[in-house]
Amino acid sequence: MFKAYIKEALPESMTVRLFDGMKSVQVSEKPSGPSDQVEKEQFLVFMAALTKGYAEEKSDIIMRMISKAYRTVKGSQILEFAEDLVGSLVHVLKYRKELKGWSLQNTRDPAAGIKALASQLVSELKLA
């Protein structure tokens, strides 16, 4: 239902990441079983942490969007997330008709352009 609601506003890969991030939020002390639904409280906690939370809360949410086993992630997973994020930004701007003065289609290879920008964004990360 979430994908149907979002439709073309976001790429499917980011829609899945957002949904998985929301599902991963625990709102009660007892662990919940696997579910295909997001409770209202999960959505509220997810959005509050992502938009208004402290850096630690935001990083926890982003880690959940990068990997389901969010305690440790690989550099390749971070790069893949950065590529999805850059691609989603371009997609949203194009969808809202706010992508002015620049076109990804004018690049030789749009996918390579997104990968190059994402690689540049994560290039300063140090290995833990």
N, C-alpha and C. Protein backbone atom coordinates (compact mmCIF):
# COMPACT_ATOMS: atom_id res chain seq x y z
N MET A 1 0.82 -1.18 0.00
CA MET A 1 0.00 0.00 0.00
C MET A 1 0.87 1.26 0.00
N PHE A 2 2.01 1.18 0.70
CA PHE A 2 2.91 2.33 0.76
C PHE A 2 3.42 2.67 -0.63
N LYS A 3 3.84 1.65 -1.39
CA LYS A 3 4.32 1.87 -2.76
C LYS A 3 3.22 2.46 -3.63
N ALA A 4 1.99 1.96 -3.46
CA ALA A 4 0.87 2.47 -4.25
C ALA A 4 0.59 3.94 -3.91
N TYR A 5 0.75 4.31 -2.64
CA TYR A 5 0.51 5.68 -2.23
C TYR A 5 1.60 6.61 -2.77
N ILE A 6 2.85 6.17 -2.70
CA ILE A 6 3.97 6.98 -3.17
C ILE A 6 3.97 7.10 -4.69
N LYS A 7 3.56 6.03 -5.37
CA LYS A 7 3.53 5.95 -6.84
C LYS A 7 4.87 6.34 -7.44
N GLU A 8 4.87 7.33 -8.33
CA GLU A 8 6.10 7.71 -9.02
C GLU A 8 6.87 8.82 -8.31
N ALA A 9 6.40 9.27 -7.14
CA ALA A 9 7.04 10.39 -6.45
C ALA A 9 8.46 10.06 -6.00
N LEU A 10 8.73 8.80 -5.71
CA LEU A 10 10.07 8.36 -5.29
C LEU A 10 10.44 7.10 -6.06
N PRO A 11 11.72 6.88 -6.30
CA PRO A 11 12.13 5.61 -6.91
C PRO A 11 11.81 4.46 -5.95
N GLU A 12 11.56 3.30 -6.51
CA GLU A 12 11.18 2.14 -5.70
C GLU A 12 12.24 1.80 -4.65
N SER A 13 13.51 1.92 -4.99
CA SER A 13 14.56 1.56 -4.04
C SER A 13 14.49 2.42 -2.78
N MET A 14 14.19 3.72 -2.92
CA MET A 14 14.10 4.58 -1.75
C MET A 14 12.79 4.34 -1.01
N THR A 15 11.73 4.02 -1.72
CA THR A 15 10.46 3.69 -1.08
C THR A 15 10.64 2.48 -0.17
N VAL A 16 11.35 1.47 -0.66
CA VAL A 16 11.61 0.26 0.13
C VAL A 16 12.48 0.61 1.34
N ARG A 17 13.49 1.43 1.16
CA ARG A 17 14.36 1.82 2.27
C ARG A 17 13.56 2.57 3.35
N LEU A 18 12.70 3.49 2.94
CA LEU A 18 11.88 4.23 3.90
C LEU A 18 10.95 3.28 4.67
N PHE A 19 10.30 2.40 3.95
CA PHE A 19 9.38 1.45 4.59
C PHE A 19 10.11 0.54 5.56
N ASP A 20 11.26 0.02 5.14
CA ASP A 20 12.05 -0.85 6.03
C ASP A 20 12.51 -0.08 7.26
N GLY A 21 12.89 1.18 7.07
CA GLY A 21 13.28 2.02 8.21
C GLY A 21 12.15 2.21 9.19
N MET A 22 10.95 2.46 8.68
CA MET A 22 9.79 2.62 9.56
C MET A 22 9.46 1.32 10.29
N LYS A 23 9.51 0.20 9.56
CA LYS A 23 9.20 -1.10 10.18
C LYS A 23 10.19 -1.45 11.28
N SER A 24 11.42 -0.97 11.17
CA SER A 24 12.46 -1.35 12.14
C SER A 24 12.34 -0.62 13.48
N VAL A 25 11.51 0.41 13.54
CA VAL A 25 11.34 1.18 14.78
C VAL A 25 10.53 0.36 15.78
N GLN A 26 11.08 0.21 16.99
CA GLN A 26 10.38 -0.50 18.06
C GLN A 26 9.69 0.53 18.93
N VAL A 27 8.38 0.41 19.11
CA VAL A 27 7.63 1.36 19.91
C VAL A 27 7.22 0.81 21.26
N SER A 28 7.46 -0.48 21.48
CA SER A 28 7.14 -1.07 22.78
C SER A 28 8.32 -1.92 23.24
N GLU A 29 8.29 -2.28 24.50
CA GLU A 29 9.37 -3.08 25.09
C GLU A 29 9.43 -4.48 24.51
N LYS A 30 8.26 -5.06 24.23
CA LYS A 30 8.24 -6.43 23.70
C LYS A 30 8.51 -6.42 22.21
N PRO A 31 9.38 -7.32 21.75
CA PRO A 31 9.67 -7.37 20.31
C PRO A 31 8.44 -7.81 19.53
N SER A 32 8.20 -7.14 18.43
CA SER A 32 7.06 -7.51 17.60
C SER A 32 7.51 -8.49 16.53
N GLY A 33 6.60 -9.32 16.10
CA GLY A 33 6.91 -10.31 15.08
C GLY A 33 6.99 -9.65 13.71
N PRO A 34 7.38 -10.42 12.71
CA PRO A 34 7.46 -9.88 11.36
C PRO A 34 6.08 -9.39 10.90
N SER A 35 6.07 -8.25 10.23
CA SER A 35 4.81 -7.67 9.79
C SER A 35 5.02 -6.93 8.48
N ASP A 36 3.95 -6.86 7.71
CA ASP A 36 3.98 -6.09 6.46
C ASP A 36 3.39 -4.71 6.65
N GLN A 37 3.11 -4.34 7.90
CA GLN A 37 2.47 -3.07 8.18
C GLN A 37 3.34 -2.21 9.08
N VAL A 38 3.13 -0.92 8.99
CA VAL A 38 3.79 0.05 9.85
C VAL A 38 2.71 0.67 10.72
N GLU A 39 2.92 0.60 12.03
CA GLU A 39 1.95 1.21 12.94
C GLU A 39 2.13 2.72 12.94
N LYS A 40 1.08 3.42 13.33
CA LYS A 40 1.12 4.88 13.36
C LYS A 40 2.27 5.35 14.25
N GLU A 41 2.47 4.71 15.40
CA GLU A 41 3.53 5.10 16.32
C GLU A 41 4.91 4.92 15.69
N GLN A 42 5.08 3.85 14.92
CA GLN A 42 6.36 3.63 14.24
C GLN A 42 6.63 4.76 13.25
N PHE A 43 5.61 5.13 12.49
CA PHE A 43 5.75 6.21 11.53
C PHE A 43 6.11 7.51 12.23
N LEU A 44 5.41 7.82 13.32
CA LEU A 44 5.66 9.07 14.04
C LEU A 44 7.07 9.12 14.64
N VAL A 45 7.51 8.02 15.25
CA VAL A 45 8.85 7.98 15.83
C VAL A 45 9.90 8.09 14.73
N PHE A 46 9.69 7.40 13.63
CA PHE A 46 10.61 7.43 12.49
C PHE A 46 10.75 8.86 11.95
N MET A 47 9.64 9.51 11.68
CA MET A 47 9.67 10.86 11.10
C MET A 47 10.23 11.88 12.09
N ALA A 48 9.87 11.74 13.36
CA ALA A 48 10.38 12.68 14.37
C ALA A 48 11.89 12.56 14.49
N ALA A 49 12.39 11.33 14.53
CA ALA A 49 13.83 11.12 14.65
C ALA A 49 14.56 11.62 13.41
N LEU A 50 14.00 11.37 12.26
CA LEU A 50 14.65 11.75 11.00
C LEU A 50 14.64 13.26 10.77
N THR A 51 13.58 13.93 11.17
CA THR A 51 13.48 15.35 10.88
C THR A 51 13.88 16.26 12.04
N LYS A 52 13.62 15.82 13.27
CA LYS A 52 13.88 16.69 14.42
C LYS A 52 14.82 16.10 15.44
N GLY A 53 15.26 14.88 15.22
CA GLY A 53 16.07 14.21 16.21
C GLY A 53 17.50 14.74 16.28
N TYR A 54 18.17 14.31 17.33
CA TYR A 54 19.59 14.62 17.48
C TYR A 54 20.38 13.81 16.46
N ALA A 55 21.64 14.14 16.30
CA ALA A 55 22.49 13.47 15.31
C ALA A 55 22.50 11.96 15.53
N GLU A 56 22.55 11.53 16.77
CA GLU A 56 22.58 10.09 17.07
C GLU A 56 21.28 9.41 16.63
N GLU A 57 20.15 10.07 16.86
CA GLU A 57 18.86 9.51 16.45
C GLU A 57 18.76 9.44 14.93
N LYS A 58 19.20 10.49 14.26
CA LYS A 58 19.17 10.51 12.80
C LYS A 58 20.07 9.43 12.22
N SER A 59 21.26 9.29 12.80
CA SER A 59 22.18 8.28 12.27
C SER A 59 21.63 6.88 12.49
N ASP A 60 20.93 6.65 13.59
CA ASP A 60 20.33 5.34 13.85
C ASP A 60 19.28 5.03 12.78
N ILE A 61 18.46 6.01 12.45
CA ILE A 61 17.43 5.82 11.42
C ILE A 61 18.08 5.56 10.06
N ILE A 62 19.10 6.32 9.73
CA ILE A 62 19.78 6.14 8.44
C ILE A 62 20.45 4.77 8.37
N MET A 63 21.05 4.35 9.49
CA MET A 63 21.66 3.02 9.52
C MET A 63 20.60 1.95 9.25
N ARG A 64 19.41 2.13 9.78
CA ARG A 64 18.32 1.17 9.56
C ARG A 64 17.89 1.17 8.09
N MET A 65 18.01 2.31 7.44
CA MET A 65 17.67 2.38 6.02
C MET A 65 18.77 1.79 5.14
N ILE A 66 20.00 1.79 5.63
CA ILE A 66 21.12 1.24 4.87
C ILE A 66 21.12 -0.28 4.93
N SER A 67 20.88 -0.82 6.13
CA SER A 67 20.98 -2.26 6.30
C SER A 67 20.02 -2.74 7.37
N LYS A 68 19.44 -3.91 7.14
CA LYS A 68 18.54 -4.49 8.15
C LYS A 68 19.33 -4.92 9.38
N ALA A 69 20.59 -5.31 9.19
CA ALA A 69 21.49 -5.61 10.30
C ALA A 69 22.27 -4.34 10.58
N TYR A 70 21.58 -3.34 11.13
CA TYR A 70 22.08 -1.97 11.14
C TYR A 70 23.20 -1.68 12.12
N ARG A 71 23.64 -2.62 12.89
CA ARG A 71 24.73 -2.35 13.84
C ARG A 71 26.07 -2.20 13.13
N THR A 72 26.26 -2.92 12.05
CA THR A 72 27.48 -2.79 11.26
C THR A 72 27.09 -2.73 9.78
N VAL A 73 27.73 -1.84 9.08
CA VAL A 73 27.49 -1.73 7.64
C VAL A 73 28.83 -1.68 6.92
N LYS A 74 28.81 -2.08 5.68
CA LYS A 74 30.01 -2.05 4.85
C LYS A 74 30.04 -0.75 4.06
N GLY A 75 31.24 -0.37 3.64
CA GLY A 75 31.40 0.82 2.83
C GLY A 75 30.58 0.74 1.55
N SER A 76 30.49 -0.45 0.97
CA SER A 76 29.73 -0.61 -0.26
C SER A 76 28.23 -0.34 -0.03
N GLN A 77 27.74 -0.67 1.17
CA GLN A 77 26.34 -0.40 1.49
C GLN A 77 26.10 1.10 1.64
N ILE A 78 27.07 1.80 2.23
CA ILE A 78 26.95 3.25 2.37
C ILE A 78 26.96 3.90 1.00
N LEU A 79 27.85 3.44 0.13
CA LEU A 79 27.92 3.98 -1.23
C LEU A 79 26.62 3.72 -1.98
N GLU A 80 26.07 2.53 -1.84
CA GLU A 80 24.81 2.19 -2.49
C GLU A 80 23.68 3.10 -1.98
N PHE A 81 23.66 3.36 -0.67
CA PHE A 81 22.65 4.25 -0.09
C PHE A 81 22.83 5.67 -0.64
N ALA A 82 24.07 6.13 -0.71
CA ALA A 82 24.34 7.47 -1.24
C ALA A 82 23.87 7.58 -2.69
N GLU A 83 24.09 6.53 -3.47
CA GLU A 83 23.63 6.51 -4.87
C GLU A 83 22.11 6.59 -4.92
N ASP A 84 21.43 5.82 -4.05
CA ASP A 84 19.97 5.87 -3.99
C ASP A 84 19.49 7.25 -3.58
N LEU A 85 20.18 7.87 -2.64
CA LEU A 85 19.80 9.19 -2.15
C LEU A 85 19.95 10.25 -3.25
N VAL A 86 21.08 10.24 -3.94
CA VAL A 86 21.31 11.20 -5.03
C VAL A 86 20.30 10.96 -6.15
N GLY A 87 20.11 9.70 -6.51
CA GLY A 87 19.14 9.36 -7.55
C GLY A 87 17.73 9.78 -7.16
N SER A 88 17.39 9.62 -5.89
CA SER A 88 16.06 10.01 -5.41
C SER A 88 15.88 11.52 -5.45
N LEU A 89 16.93 12.26 -5.09
CA LEU A 89 16.86 13.72 -5.14
C LEU A 89 16.60 14.19 -6.57
N VAL A 90 17.34 13.65 -7.52
CA VAL A 90 17.15 14.02 -8.93
C VAL A 90 15.73 13.63 -9.37
N HIS A 91 15.29 12.45 -8.96
CA HIS A 91 13.96 11.96 -9.32
C HIS A 91 12.86 12.89 -8.78
N VAL A 92 12.96 13.27 -7.50
CA VAL A 92 11.95 14.14 -6.88
C VAL A 92 11.94 15.51 -7.53
N LEU A 93 13.12 16.08 -7.78
CA LEU A 93 13.17 17.39 -8.43
C LEU A 93 12.56 17.34 -9.83
N LYS A 94 12.82 16.26 -10.54
CA LYS A 94 12.25 16.10 -11.88
C LYS A 94 10.74 15.89 -11.79
N TYR A 95 10.29 15.08 -10.84
CA TYR A 95 8.88 14.79 -10.63
C TYR A 95 8.10 16.07 -10.31
N ARG A 96 8.71 16.94 -9.50
CA ARG A 96 8.06 18.20 -9.11
C ARG A 96 8.32 19.33 -10.11
N LYS A 97 9.00 18.99 -11.20
CA LYS A 97 9.34 19.95 -12.25
C LYS A 97 10.14 21.13 -11.69
N GLU A 98 11.05 20.82 -10.78
CA GLU A 98 11.91 21.84 -10.19
C GLU A 98 13.38 21.64 -10.55
N LEU A 99 13.65 20.72 -11.44
CA LEU A 99 15.01 20.47 -11.89
C LEU A 99 15.27 21.38 -13.07
N LYS A 100 15.79 22.55 -12.78
CA LYS A 100 15.97 23.57 -13.81
C LYS A 100 17.46 23.79 -14.08
N GLY A 101 17.81 23.99 -15.32
CA GLY A 101 19.17 24.34 -15.68
C GLY A 101 20.14 23.19 -15.71
N TRP A 102 19.69 21.99 -15.38
CA TRP A 102 20.58 20.84 -15.40
C TRP A 102 19.75 19.61 -15.70
N SER A 103 20.27 18.74 -16.52
CA SER A 103 19.54 17.53 -16.86
C SER A 103 20.48 16.34 -16.82
N LEU A 104 20.08 15.34 -16.09
CA LEU A 104 20.87 14.13 -16.00
C LEU A 104 20.95 13.44 -17.37
N GLN A 105 19.91 13.62 -18.18
CA GLN A 105 19.90 13.01 -19.51
C GLN A 105 20.96 13.62 -20.42
N ASN A 106 21.41 14.84 -20.13
CA ASN A 106 22.44 15.47 -20.94
C ASN A 106 23.83 14.90 -20.65
N THR A 107 23.97 14.15 -19.59
CA THR A 107 25.26 13.51 -19.31
C THR A 107 25.37 12.27 -20.20
N ARG A 108 26.58 11.84 -20.43
CA ARG A 108 26.78 10.69 -21.32
C ARG A 108 26.09 9.45 -20.78
N ASP A 109 26.24 9.22 -19.46
CA ASP A 109 25.65 8.04 -18.83
C ASP A 109 25.05 8.49 -17.50
N PRO A 110 23.71 8.64 -17.42
CA PRO A 110 23.08 9.13 -16.20
C PRO A 110 23.43 8.30 -14.96
N ALA A 111 23.45 6.98 -15.09
CA ALA A 111 23.77 6.13 -13.95
C ALA A 111 25.20 6.38 -13.47
N ALA A 112 26.11 6.57 -14.40
CA ALA A 112 27.50 6.85 -14.04
C ALA A 112 27.63 8.21 -13.35
N GLY A 113 26.83 9.18 -13.78
CA GLY A 113 26.84 10.50 -13.15
C GLY A 113 26.40 10.43 -11.70
N ILE A 114 25.35 9.66 -11.43
CA ILE A 114 24.87 9.48 -10.05
C ILE A 114 25.93 8.76 -9.23
N LYS A 115 26.52 7.71 -9.79
CA LYS A 115 27.57 6.97 -9.05
C LYS A 115 28.77 7.85 -8.74
N ALA A 116 29.15 8.68 -9.68
CA ALA A 116 30.31 9.55 -9.48
C ALA A 116 30.04 10.57 -8.37
N LEU A 117 28.85 11.17 -8.37
CA LEU A 117 28.51 12.13 -7.33
C LEU A 117 28.42 11.46 -5.97
N ALA A 118 27.81 10.30 -5.91
CA ALA A 118 27.70 9.56 -4.64
C ALA A 118 29.09 9.17 -4.14
N SER A 119 29.94 8.72 -5.03
CA SER A 119 31.32 8.36 -4.63
C SER A 119 32.05 9.57 -4.06
N GLN A 120 31.87 10.71 -4.68
CA GLN A 120 32.50 11.94 -4.17
C GLN A 120 31.98 12.29 -2.80
N LEU A 121 30.67 12.12 -2.57
CA LEU A 121 30.07 12.47 -1.29
C LEU A 121 30.59 11.58 -0.14
N VAL A 122 30.85 10.32 -0.44
CA VAL A 122 31.31 9.41 0.63
C VAL A 122 32.82 9.27 0.65
N SER A 123 33.54 9.97 -0.20
CA SER A 123 34.98 9.80 -0.31
C SER A 123 35.73 10.23 0.95
N GLU A 124 35.15 11.10 1.73
CA GLU A 124 35.82 11.59 2.94
C GLU A 124 35.60 10.70 4.16
N LEU A 125 34.77 9.67 4.02
CA LEU A 125 34.53 8.78 5.16
C LEU A 125 35.78 7.99 5.49
N LYS A 126 36.07 7.87 6.74
CA LYS A 126 37.23 7.12 7.20
C LYS A 126 36.78 5.71 7.57
N LEU A 127 37.64 4.74 7.36
CA LEU A 127 37.34 3.37 7.76
C LEU A 127 37.32 3.29 9.28
N ALA A 128 36.32 2.61 9.80
CA ALA A 128 36.22 2.46 11.25
C ALA A 128 37.20 1.41 11.73
